[in-house]
Amino acid sequence: MKTNLYKTSIIIFGLVVPVVLSLIVIAVCYGYKSSTEKTYKKNKSDYLAEIQSQKVIDRLQKDLSGKKDQLEAWEAQVSEESIVQLGNEFRKLQAKYPSDVLRRNSANKGTQSSGMGKTTKQTSNSWIFDYNGTLTVMQKALFELETEMPQMQLDKMTIRKASNENLLQFNLNYTSWEK
């Protein structure tokens, strides 16, 4: 009978326990390997995305390097106060077109609660202009103004016949984006 006790102990401690411990070690190693593979795949995809992003950045920087002078000019234009620029542009327009085809009635600073600027966090000013002029001359004048001041955005325009004249009255609301 004593041999039977030894057999049970040998089977338990010689076979079952080592097999169970081996299975536990294998399970832990497999779990660690799976976790490491997931981390590796994630890091690899992040790395490849970073390389792709860097290529895009390099390409954009290369494209923009040729436009550096233009960008600097725009930066200078936006950094200058829009009221100063507007005054200069209006003087140019009034010198270019006679008063019988283009006349400024008023130019006022609008409230910030109007226009596109109220919905953004970007610094902006609102401007309200009232002009009398012919349609063709006004189109040319607005084209010149918006070409010289690309930071100006037309929010609203109302056109009606001016009283006692053969001109149209233009009420214009602009948002001027500031730096």
N, C-alpha and C. Protein backbone atom coordinates (compact mmCIF):
# COMPACT_ATOMS: atom_id res chain seq x y z
N MET A 1 0.78 -1.20 0.00
CA MET A 1 0.00 0.00 0.00
C MET A 1 0.82 1.27 0.00
N LYS A 2 2.01 1.13 0.60
CA LYS A 2 2.85 2.31 0.67
C LYS A 2 3.29 2.75 -0.72
N THR A 3 3.45 1.82 -1.63
CA THR A 3 3.85 2.18 -2.99
C THR A 3 2.77 3.02 -3.66
N ASN A 4 1.54 2.75 -3.27
CA ASN A 4 0.44 3.50 -3.82
C ASN A 4 0.51 4.96 -3.36
N LEU A 5 0.91 5.22 -2.11
CA LEU A 5 1.06 6.59 -1.61
C LEU A 5 2.18 7.31 -2.35
N TYR A 6 3.25 6.57 -2.61
CA TYR A 6 4.35 7.20 -3.34
C TYR A 6 3.95 7.50 -4.77
N LYS A 7 3.17 6.60 -5.37
CA LYS A 7 2.74 6.82 -6.74
C LYS A 7 1.89 8.09 -6.85
N THR A 8 0.99 8.26 -5.93
CA THR A 8 0.12 9.44 -5.93
C THR A 8 0.94 10.70 -5.75
N SER A 9 1.88 10.69 -4.84
CA SER A 9 2.73 11.87 -4.60
C SER A 9 3.60 12.15 -5.82
N ILE A 10 4.13 11.08 -6.41
CA ILE A 10 4.98 11.27 -7.59
C ILE A 10 4.15 11.82 -8.75
N ILE A 11 2.96 11.29 -8.93
CA ILE A 11 2.11 11.77 -10.02
C ILE A 11 1.72 13.23 -9.79
N ILE A 12 1.35 13.55 -8.54
CA ILE A 12 0.92 14.92 -8.24
C ILE A 12 2.10 15.88 -8.36
N PHE A 13 3.20 15.59 -7.66
CA PHE A 13 4.33 16.54 -7.64
C PHE A 13 5.29 16.35 -8.80
N GLY A 14 5.25 15.22 -9.43
CA GLY A 14 6.16 14.97 -10.54
C GLY A 14 5.56 15.29 -11.89
N LEU A 15 4.24 15.17 -12.02
CA LEU A 15 3.61 15.42 -13.32
C LEU A 15 2.60 16.56 -13.29
N VAL A 16 1.63 16.49 -12.42
CA VAL A 16 0.53 17.46 -12.43
C VAL A 16 1.02 18.87 -12.10
N VAL A 17 1.74 19.02 -11.03
CA VAL A 17 2.21 20.36 -10.63
C VAL A 17 3.12 20.96 -11.70
N PRO A 18 4.13 20.23 -12.22
CA PRO A 18 4.95 20.83 -13.27
C PRO A 18 4.15 21.16 -14.54
N VAL A 19 3.20 20.31 -14.89
CA VAL A 19 2.38 20.60 -16.08
C VAL A 19 1.52 21.84 -15.84
N VAL A 20 0.91 21.96 -14.67
CA VAL A 20 0.09 23.13 -14.35
C VAL A 20 0.95 24.39 -14.32
N LEU A 21 2.11 24.30 -13.66
CA LEU A 21 3.01 25.47 -13.62
C LEU A 21 3.49 25.83 -15.02
N SER A 22 3.79 24.83 -15.83
CA SER A 22 4.22 25.09 -17.21
C SER A 22 3.10 25.77 -18.00
N LEU A 23 1.86 25.30 -17.83
CA LEU A 23 0.72 25.92 -18.52
C LEU A 23 0.52 27.37 -18.06
N ILE A 24 0.71 27.61 -16.77
CA ILE A 24 0.59 28.98 -16.25
C ILE A 24 1.67 29.86 -16.85
N VAL A 25 2.91 29.38 -16.87
CA VAL A 25 4.02 30.15 -17.46
C VAL A 25 3.76 30.41 -18.94
N ILE A 26 3.29 29.39 -19.66
CA ILE A 26 2.99 29.55 -21.09
C ILE A 26 1.87 30.57 -21.29
N ALA A 27 0.83 30.53 -20.47
CA ALA A 27 -0.28 31.48 -20.59
C ALA A 27 0.20 32.91 -20.33
N VAL A 28 1.03 33.08 -19.28
CA VAL A 28 1.57 34.42 -18.97
C VAL A 28 2.44 34.91 -20.13
N CYS A 29 3.30 34.04 -20.64
CA CYS A 29 4.17 34.43 -21.76
C CYS A 29 3.34 34.77 -23.00
N TYR A 30 2.30 33.99 -23.28
CA TYR A 30 1.45 34.25 -24.43
C TYR A 30 0.73 35.60 -24.26
N GLY A 31 0.23 35.86 -23.07
CA GLY A 31 -0.43 37.14 -22.80
C GLY A 31 0.54 38.30 -22.96
N TYR A 32 1.75 38.14 -22.45
CA TYR A 32 2.76 39.19 -22.58
C TYR A 32 3.12 39.41 -24.05
N LYS A 33 3.26 38.32 -24.79
CA LYS A 33 3.58 38.40 -26.22
C LYS A 33 2.46 39.11 -26.97
N SER A 34 1.21 38.78 -26.68
CA SER A 34 0.07 39.43 -27.34
C SER A 34 0.05 40.92 -27.03
N SER A 35 0.28 41.26 -25.77
CA SER A 35 0.31 42.66 -25.37
C SER A 35 1.45 43.39 -26.07
N THR A 36 2.60 42.76 -26.14
CA THR A 36 3.76 43.36 -26.79
C THR A 36 3.50 43.53 -28.28
N GLU A 37 2.86 42.55 -28.92
CA GLU A 37 2.55 42.67 -30.34
C GLU A 37 1.57 43.81 -30.61
N LYS A 38 0.55 43.95 -29.75
CA LYS A 38 -0.40 45.05 -29.91
C LYS A 38 0.31 46.39 -29.78
N THR A 39 1.16 46.51 -28.78
CA THR A 39 1.92 47.74 -28.58
C THR A 39 2.82 48.02 -29.78
N TYR A 40 3.47 46.97 -30.27
CA TYR A 40 4.36 47.12 -31.42
C TYR A 40 3.58 47.59 -32.65
N LYS A 41 2.43 46.95 -32.91
CA LYS A 41 1.62 47.33 -34.08
C LYS A 41 1.12 48.77 -33.96
N LYS A 42 0.70 49.16 -32.76
CA LYS A 42 0.23 50.53 -32.55
C LYS A 42 1.37 51.51 -32.75
N ASN A 43 2.53 51.22 -32.15
CA ASN A 43 3.68 52.10 -32.30
C ASN A 43 4.14 52.18 -33.75
N LYS A 44 4.09 51.06 -34.44
CA LYS A 44 4.49 51.05 -35.85
C LYS A 44 3.53 51.89 -36.69
N SER A 45 2.23 51.75 -36.45
CA SER A 45 1.27 52.55 -37.21
C SER A 45 1.41 54.04 -36.88
N ASP A 46 1.67 54.36 -35.61
CA ASP A 46 1.91 55.76 -35.23
C ASP A 46 3.17 56.29 -35.91
N TYR A 47 4.19 55.48 -35.96
CA TYR A 47 5.45 55.87 -36.60
C TYR A 47 5.24 56.12 -38.09
N LEU A 48 4.52 55.22 -38.75
CA LEU A 48 4.26 55.39 -40.18
C LEU A 48 3.39 56.63 -40.44
N ALA A 49 2.43 56.87 -39.57
CA ALA A 49 1.61 58.08 -39.69
C ALA A 49 2.46 59.33 -39.49
N GLU A 50 3.38 59.27 -38.54
CA GLU A 50 4.28 60.40 -38.29
C GLU A 50 5.17 60.67 -39.50
N ILE A 51 5.69 59.60 -40.10
CA ILE A 51 6.52 59.75 -41.30
C ILE A 51 5.70 60.38 -42.42
N GLN A 52 4.47 59.91 -42.60
CA GLN A 52 3.59 60.46 -43.64
C GLN A 52 3.30 61.94 -43.36
N SER A 53 3.02 62.26 -42.11
CA SER A 53 2.76 63.66 -41.74
C SER A 53 3.98 64.53 -41.98
N GLN A 54 5.15 64.01 -41.65
CA GLN A 54 6.38 64.77 -41.88
C GLN A 54 6.61 65.01 -43.36
N LYS A 55 6.28 64.02 -44.20
CA LYS A 55 6.41 64.21 -45.66
C LYS A 55 5.48 65.32 -46.13
N VAL A 56 4.25 65.32 -45.61
CA VAL A 56 3.29 66.36 -45.98
C VAL A 56 3.79 67.73 -45.52
N ILE A 57 4.30 67.78 -44.30
CA ILE A 57 4.83 69.05 -43.76
C ILE A 57 6.00 69.52 -44.61
N ASP A 58 6.90 68.63 -44.95
CA ASP A 58 8.05 69.00 -45.77
C ASP A 58 7.61 69.53 -47.13
N ARG A 59 6.61 68.86 -47.73
CA ARG A 59 6.11 69.29 -49.04
C ARG A 59 5.46 70.67 -48.93
N LEU A 60 4.66 70.87 -47.87
CA LEU A 60 4.01 72.18 -47.68
C LEU A 60 5.04 73.28 -47.43
N GLN A 61 6.06 72.98 -46.63
CA GLN A 61 7.10 73.98 -46.38
C GLN A 61 7.84 74.32 -47.66
N LYS A 62 8.08 73.31 -48.49
CA LYS A 62 8.74 73.55 -49.77
C LYS A 62 7.87 74.43 -50.66
N ASP A 63 6.56 74.12 -50.69
CA ASP A 63 5.64 74.93 -51.49
C ASP A 63 5.55 76.36 -50.98
N LEU A 64 5.55 76.51 -49.65
CA LEU A 64 5.41 77.84 -49.07
C LEU A 64 6.69 78.66 -49.11
N SER A 65 7.83 77.98 -49.20
CA SER A 65 9.09 78.73 -49.20
C SER A 65 9.17 79.66 -50.41
N GLY A 66 8.56 79.27 -51.51
CA GLY A 66 8.53 80.13 -52.69
C GLY A 66 7.58 81.30 -52.54
N LYS A 67 6.69 81.21 -51.58
CA LYS A 67 5.69 82.26 -51.37
C LYS A 67 5.98 83.07 -50.12
N LYS A 68 7.21 82.99 -49.65
CA LYS A 68 7.56 83.65 -48.40
C LYS A 68 7.39 85.17 -48.49
N ASP A 69 7.79 85.75 -49.62
CA ASP A 69 7.65 87.20 -49.77
C ASP A 69 6.19 87.63 -49.73
N GLN A 70 5.35 86.85 -50.41
CA GLN A 70 3.92 87.16 -50.42
C GLN A 70 3.33 86.99 -49.02
N LEU A 71 3.75 85.95 -48.32
CA LEU A 71 3.27 85.72 -46.97
C LEU A 71 3.69 86.85 -46.03
N GLU A 72 4.92 87.31 -46.17
CA GLU A 72 5.39 88.43 -45.35
C GLU A 72 4.60 89.70 -45.65
N ALA A 73 4.28 89.91 -46.92
CA ALA A 73 3.48 91.08 -47.29
C ALA A 73 2.09 90.99 -46.67
N TRP A 74 1.49 89.80 -46.69
CA TRP A 74 0.17 89.63 -46.08
C TRP A 74 0.24 89.82 -44.57
N GLU A 75 1.30 89.29 -43.95
CA GLU A 75 1.47 89.47 -42.50
C GLU A 75 1.57 90.96 -42.16
N ALA A 76 2.33 91.69 -42.96
CA ALA A 76 2.47 93.13 -42.72
C ALA A 76 1.13 93.84 -42.91
N GLN A 77 0.39 93.39 -43.92
CA GLN A 77 -0.90 94.01 -44.19
C GLN A 77 -1.90 93.76 -43.06
N VAL A 78 -1.92 92.56 -42.55
CA VAL A 78 -2.86 92.23 -41.47
C VAL A 78 -2.43 92.88 -40.16
N SER A 79 -1.13 93.08 -39.96
CA SER A 79 -0.68 93.67 -38.71
C SER A 79 -0.96 95.17 -38.66
N GLU A 80 -1.12 95.81 -39.81
CA GLU A 80 -1.47 97.23 -39.84
C GLU A 80 -2.95 97.38 -39.52
N GLU A 81 -3.30 98.45 -38.82
CA GLU A 81 -4.70 98.64 -38.47
C GLU A 81 -5.54 98.85 -39.73
N SER A 82 -6.69 98.22 -39.76
CA SER A 82 -7.52 98.27 -40.96
C SER A 82 -8.07 99.67 -41.22
N ILE A 83 -8.27 100.48 -40.20
CA ILE A 83 -8.79 101.83 -40.42
C ILE A 83 -7.81 102.67 -41.23
N VAL A 84 -6.52 102.47 -40.98
CA VAL A 84 -5.50 103.20 -41.74
C VAL A 84 -5.51 102.73 -43.19
N GLN A 85 -5.54 101.43 -43.38
CA GLN A 85 -5.57 100.88 -44.74
C GLN A 85 -6.83 101.31 -45.47
N LEU A 86 -7.96 101.27 -44.78
CA LEU A 86 -9.22 101.68 -45.41
C LEU A 86 -9.16 103.13 -45.86
N GLY A 87 -8.63 103.98 -45.02
CA GLY A 87 -8.50 105.40 -45.38
C GLY A 87 -7.66 105.57 -46.63
N ASN A 88 -6.53 104.86 -46.70
CA ASN A 88 -5.67 104.94 -47.88
C ASN A 88 -6.38 104.42 -49.12
N GLU A 89 -7.05 103.30 -48.99
CA GLU A 89 -7.74 102.71 -50.15
C GLU A 89 -8.89 103.60 -50.62
N PHE A 90 -9.64 104.20 -49.69
CA PHE A 90 -10.73 105.09 -50.08
C PHE A 90 -10.20 106.34 -50.78
N ARG A 91 -9.07 106.87 -50.32
CA ARG A 91 -8.48 108.02 -50.99
C ARG A 91 -8.06 107.65 -52.42
N LYS A 92 -7.49 106.46 -52.60
CA LYS A 92 -7.12 106.01 -53.94
C LYS A 92 -8.35 105.90 -54.85
N LEU A 93 -9.42 105.32 -54.31
CA LEU A 93 -10.64 105.16 -55.10
C LEU A 93 -11.25 106.51 -55.47
N GLN A 94 -11.29 107.43 -54.51
CA GLN A 94 -11.88 108.73 -54.78
C GLN A 94 -11.03 109.53 -55.76
N ALA A 95 -9.71 109.32 -55.75
CA ALA A 95 -8.86 110.01 -56.70
C ALA A 95 -9.00 109.40 -58.10
N LYS A 96 -9.30 108.13 -58.16
CA LYS A 96 -9.39 107.43 -59.44
C LYS A 96 -10.72 107.69 -60.16
N TYR A 97 -11.81 107.78 -59.41
CA TYR A 97 -13.14 107.93 -60.01
C TYR A 97 -13.72 109.29 -59.64
N PRO A 98 -14.33 109.97 -60.61
CA PRO A 98 -14.93 111.28 -60.30
C PRO A 98 -16.16 111.12 -59.39
N SER A 99 -16.50 112.19 -58.70
CA SER A 99 -17.58 112.13 -57.71
C SER A 99 -18.96 111.96 -58.34
N ASP A 100 -19.08 112.19 -59.64
CA ASP A 100 -20.40 112.00 -60.26
C ASP A 100 -20.69 110.52 -60.56
N VAL A 101 -19.67 109.62 -60.44
CA VAL A 101 -19.90 108.19 -60.64
C VAL A 101 -19.60 107.36 -59.38
N LEU A 102 -18.90 107.97 -58.42
CA LEU A 102 -18.61 107.28 -57.16
C LEU A 102 -18.41 108.30 -56.05
N ARG A 103 -19.25 108.19 -55.02
CA ARG A 103 -19.16 109.14 -53.91
C ARG A 103 -19.41 108.38 -52.61
N ARG A 104 -18.50 108.59 -51.66
CA ARG A 104 -18.68 107.96 -50.35
C ARG A 104 -19.54 108.88 -49.50
N ASN A 105 -20.61 108.31 -48.97
CA ASN A 105 -21.49 109.08 -48.09
C ASN A 105 -21.06 108.96 -46.65
N SER A 106 -20.71 107.74 -46.25
CA SER A 106 -20.28 107.54 -44.87
C SER A 106 -19.47 106.26 -44.75
N ALA A 107 -18.64 106.23 -43.73
CA ALA A 107 -17.87 105.03 -43.38
C ALA A 107 -17.81 105.01 -41.86
N ASN A 108 -18.37 103.98 -41.27
CA ASN A 108 -18.44 103.90 -39.81
C ASN A 108 -17.99 102.52 -39.34
N LYS A 109 -17.51 102.52 -38.13
CA LYS A 109 -17.17 101.24 -37.51
C LYS A 109 -18.47 100.63 -36.98
N GLY A 110 -18.72 99.38 -37.36
CA GLY A 110 -19.92 98.70 -36.93
C GLY A 110 -19.75 98.11 -35.55
N THR A 111 -20.79 97.48 -35.08
CA THR A 111 -20.71 96.81 -33.79
C THR A 111 -20.20 95.39 -33.99
N GLN A 112 -19.55 94.87 -32.99
CA GLN A 112 -19.01 93.51 -33.08
C GLN A 112 -20.13 92.47 -33.09
N SER A 113 -21.33 92.90 -32.73
CA SER A 113 -22.44 91.94 -32.69
C SER A 113 -23.03 91.71 -34.07
N SER A 114 -22.41 92.29 -35.09
CA SER A 114 -22.89 92.05 -36.45
C SER A 114 -21.77 91.45 -37.27
N GLY A 115 -22.14 90.78 -38.32
CA GLY A 115 -21.14 90.24 -39.24
C GLY A 115 -20.56 88.92 -38.80
N MET A 116 -19.65 88.43 -39.62
CA MET A 116 -19.03 87.13 -39.43
C MET A 116 -18.14 87.09 -38.19
N GLY A 117 -17.54 88.21 -37.83
CA GLY A 117 -16.59 88.25 -36.73
C GLY A 117 -17.18 87.90 -35.38
N LYS A 118 -18.49 88.04 -35.23
CA LYS A 118 -19.10 87.76 -33.92
C LYS A 118 -19.11 86.27 -33.60
N THR A 119 -18.98 85.42 -34.61
CA THR A 119 -19.08 83.97 -34.39
C THR A 119 -17.72 83.30 -34.24
N THR A 120 -16.64 84.06 -34.33
CA THR A 120 -15.31 83.46 -34.24
C THR A 120 -14.52 84.07 -33.10
N LYS A 121 -13.42 83.40 -32.78
CA LYS A 121 -12.53 83.92 -31.74
C LYS A 121 -11.44 84.81 -32.34
N GLN A 122 -11.36 84.83 -33.67
CA GLN A 122 -10.36 85.65 -34.37
C GLN A 122 -10.71 87.12 -34.17
N THR A 123 -9.70 87.93 -33.92
CA THR A 123 -9.91 89.36 -33.76
C THR A 123 -10.39 89.96 -35.07
N SER A 124 -11.44 90.76 -35.00
CA SER A 124 -11.98 91.36 -36.21
C SER A 124 -12.67 92.68 -35.87
N ASN A 125 -12.90 93.47 -36.91
CA ASN A 125 -13.66 94.70 -36.79
C ASN A 125 -14.77 94.66 -37.82
N SER A 126 -15.84 95.34 -37.53
CA SER A 126 -16.96 95.43 -38.46
C SER A 126 -17.01 96.86 -38.99
N TRP A 127 -17.24 96.99 -40.31
CA TRP A 127 -17.28 98.30 -40.95
C TRP A 127 -18.55 98.43 -41.77
N ILE A 128 -19.14 99.63 -41.75
CA ILE A 128 -20.35 99.91 -42.52
C ILE A 128 -20.05 101.09 -43.44
N PHE A 129 -20.24 100.87 -44.75
CA PHE A 129 -19.96 101.90 -45.75
C PHE A 129 -21.23 102.22 -46.52
N ASP A 130 -21.37 103.48 -46.88
CA ASP A 130 -22.50 103.92 -47.68
C ASP A 130 -21.92 104.70 -48.87
N TYR A 131 -22.16 104.20 -50.07
CA TYR A 131 -21.64 104.81 -51.29
C TYR A 131 -22.77 105.06 -52.26
N ASN A 132 -22.63 106.08 -53.07
CA ASN A 132 -23.46 106.29 -54.24
C ASN A 132 -22.56 106.13 -55.45
N GLY A 133 -23.04 105.40 -56.46
CA GLY A 133 -22.23 105.22 -57.65
C GLY A 133 -22.95 104.41 -58.70
N THR A 134 -22.34 104.36 -59.86
CA THR A 134 -22.89 103.52 -60.91
C THR A 134 -22.50 102.07 -60.62
N LEU A 135 -23.26 101.16 -61.21
CA LEU A 135 -23.02 99.74 -60.94
C LEU A 135 -21.63 99.32 -61.41
N THR A 136 -21.25 99.71 -62.60
CA THR A 136 -19.95 99.30 -63.15
C THR A 136 -18.79 99.84 -62.34
N VAL A 137 -18.85 101.12 -62.02
CA VAL A 137 -17.77 101.74 -61.24
C VAL A 137 -17.71 101.14 -59.84
N MET A 138 -18.86 100.88 -59.26
CA MET A 138 -18.87 100.31 -57.90
C MET A 138 -18.30 98.89 -57.92
N GLN A 139 -18.62 98.12 -58.94
CA GLN A 139 -18.04 96.78 -59.05
C GLN A 139 -16.52 96.86 -59.14
N LYS A 140 -16.03 97.77 -59.96
CA LYS A 140 -14.57 97.93 -60.09
C LYS A 140 -13.95 98.40 -58.78
N ALA A 141 -14.60 99.34 -58.12
CA ALA A 141 -14.07 99.87 -56.86
C ALA A 141 -14.02 98.80 -55.77
N LEU A 142 -15.09 98.00 -55.67
CA LEU A 142 -15.10 96.94 -54.66
C LEU A 142 -14.09 95.85 -55.00
N PHE A 143 -13.91 95.58 -56.29
CA PHE A 143 -12.90 94.62 -56.70
C PHE A 143 -11.51 95.10 -56.29
N GLU A 144 -11.23 96.38 -56.53
CA GLU A 144 -9.93 96.94 -56.15
C GLU A 144 -9.74 96.93 -54.64
N LEU A 145 -10.79 97.30 -53.91
CA LEU A 145 -10.70 97.31 -52.45
C LEU A 145 -10.43 95.91 -51.90
N GLU A 146 -11.16 94.92 -52.39
CA GLU A 146 -11.01 93.56 -51.89
C GLU A 146 -9.71 92.92 -52.37
N THR A 147 -9.17 93.39 -53.49
CA THR A 147 -7.87 92.89 -53.95
C THR A 147 -6.75 93.45 -53.08
N GLU A 148 -6.85 94.71 -52.75
CA GLU A 148 -5.81 95.35 -51.93
C GLU A 148 -5.91 94.95 -50.47
N MET A 149 -7.11 94.59 -50.04
CA MET A 149 -7.32 94.23 -48.63
C MET A 149 -8.01 92.87 -48.56
N PRO A 150 -7.27 91.78 -48.77
CA PRO A 150 -7.90 90.46 -48.76
C PRO A 150 -8.45 90.05 -47.40
N GLN A 151 -8.07 90.75 -46.35
CA GLN A 151 -8.60 90.42 -45.02
C GLN A 151 -10.01 90.98 -44.82
N MET A 152 -10.52 91.70 -45.82
CA MET A 152 -11.89 92.22 -45.74
C MET A 152 -12.85 91.19 -46.31
N GLN A 153 -13.95 90.99 -45.61
CA GLN A 153 -14.95 90.03 -46.05
C GLN A 153 -16.31 90.73 -46.07
N LEU A 154 -16.96 90.68 -47.22
CA LEU A 154 -18.26 91.30 -47.35
C LEU A 154 -19.31 90.45 -46.64
N ASP A 155 -20.00 91.04 -45.67
CA ASP A 155 -21.03 90.33 -44.93
C ASP A 155 -22.41 90.60 -45.51
N LYS A 156 -22.65 91.85 -45.92
CA LYS A 156 -23.98 92.21 -46.38
C LYS A 156 -23.86 93.38 -47.35
N MET A 157 -24.68 93.33 -48.40
CA MET A 157 -24.71 94.44 -49.35
C MET A 157 -26.16 94.71 -49.71
N THR A 158 -26.55 95.97 -49.63
CA THR A 158 -27.89 96.39 -50.02
C THR A 158 -27.74 97.44 -51.10
N ILE A 159 -28.47 97.27 -52.20
CA ILE A 159 -28.40 98.22 -53.31
C ILE A 159 -29.81 98.74 -53.57
N ARG A 160 -29.91 100.05 -53.66
CA ARG A 160 -31.20 100.68 -54.02
C ARG A 160 -30.91 101.97 -54.79
N LYS A 161 -31.93 102.46 -55.43
CA LYS A 161 -31.76 103.69 -56.20
C LYS A 161 -31.58 104.86 -55.25
N ALA A 162 -30.56 105.65 -55.53
CA ALA A 162 -30.31 106.83 -54.69
C ALA A 162 -31.37 107.89 -54.99
N SER A 163 -31.73 108.64 -53.96
CA SER A 163 -32.77 109.65 -54.14
C SER A 163 -32.24 110.83 -54.95
N ASN A 164 -33.03 111.28 -55.89
CA ASN A 164 -32.75 112.46 -56.72
C ASN A 164 -31.47 112.35 -57.53
N GLU A 165 -31.02 111.15 -57.86
CA GLU A 165 -29.80 111.00 -58.65
C GLU A 165 -29.96 109.82 -59.59
N ASN A 166 -29.11 109.77 -60.59
CA ASN A 166 -29.07 108.63 -61.50
C ASN A 166 -28.02 107.62 -61.04
N LEU A 167 -27.86 107.52 -59.75
CA LEU A 167 -26.88 106.61 -59.17
C LEU A 167 -27.59 105.58 -58.31
N LEU A 168 -26.84 104.57 -57.94
CA LEU A 168 -27.34 103.57 -57.00
C LEU A 168 -26.71 103.83 -55.63
N GLN A 169 -27.45 103.52 -54.59
CA GLN A 169 -26.91 103.66 -53.24
C GLN A 169 -26.53 102.25 -52.75
N PHE A 170 -25.27 102.11 -52.33
CA PHE A 170 -24.73 100.83 -51.86
C PHE A 170 -24.47 100.93 -50.37
N ASN A 171 -25.13 100.08 -49.60
CA ASN A 171 -24.84 99.95 -48.17
C ASN A 171 -24.06 98.64 -48.01
N LEU A 172 -22.83 98.74 -47.51
CA LEU A 172 -21.93 97.59 -47.44
C LEU A 172 -21.52 97.35 -45.99
N ASN A 173 -21.60 96.11 -45.56
CA ASN A 173 -21.11 95.72 -44.24
C ASN A 173 -19.94 94.76 -44.45
N TYR A 174 -18.79 95.10 -43.91
CA TYR A 174 -17.59 94.28 -44.04
C TYR A 174 -17.09 93.85 -42.67
N THR A 175 -16.45 92.69 -42.66
CA THR A 175 -15.67 92.26 -41.50
C THR A 175 -14.21 92.33 -41.90
N SER A 176 -13.41 92.96 -41.08
CA SER A 176 -11.98 93.06 -41.32
C SER A 176 -11.26 92.21 -40.29
N TRP A 177 -10.55 91.20 -40.76
CA TRP A 177 -9.83 90.29 -39.85
C TRP A 177 -8.52 90.94 -39.43
N GLU A 178 -8.28 90.94 -38.16
CA GLU A 178 -7.09 91.59 -37.59
C GLU A 178 -6.15 90.53 -37.01
N LYS A 179 -4.91 90.95 -36.82
CA LYS A 179 -3.93 90.03 -36.25
C LYS A 179 -4.01 90.07 -34.74
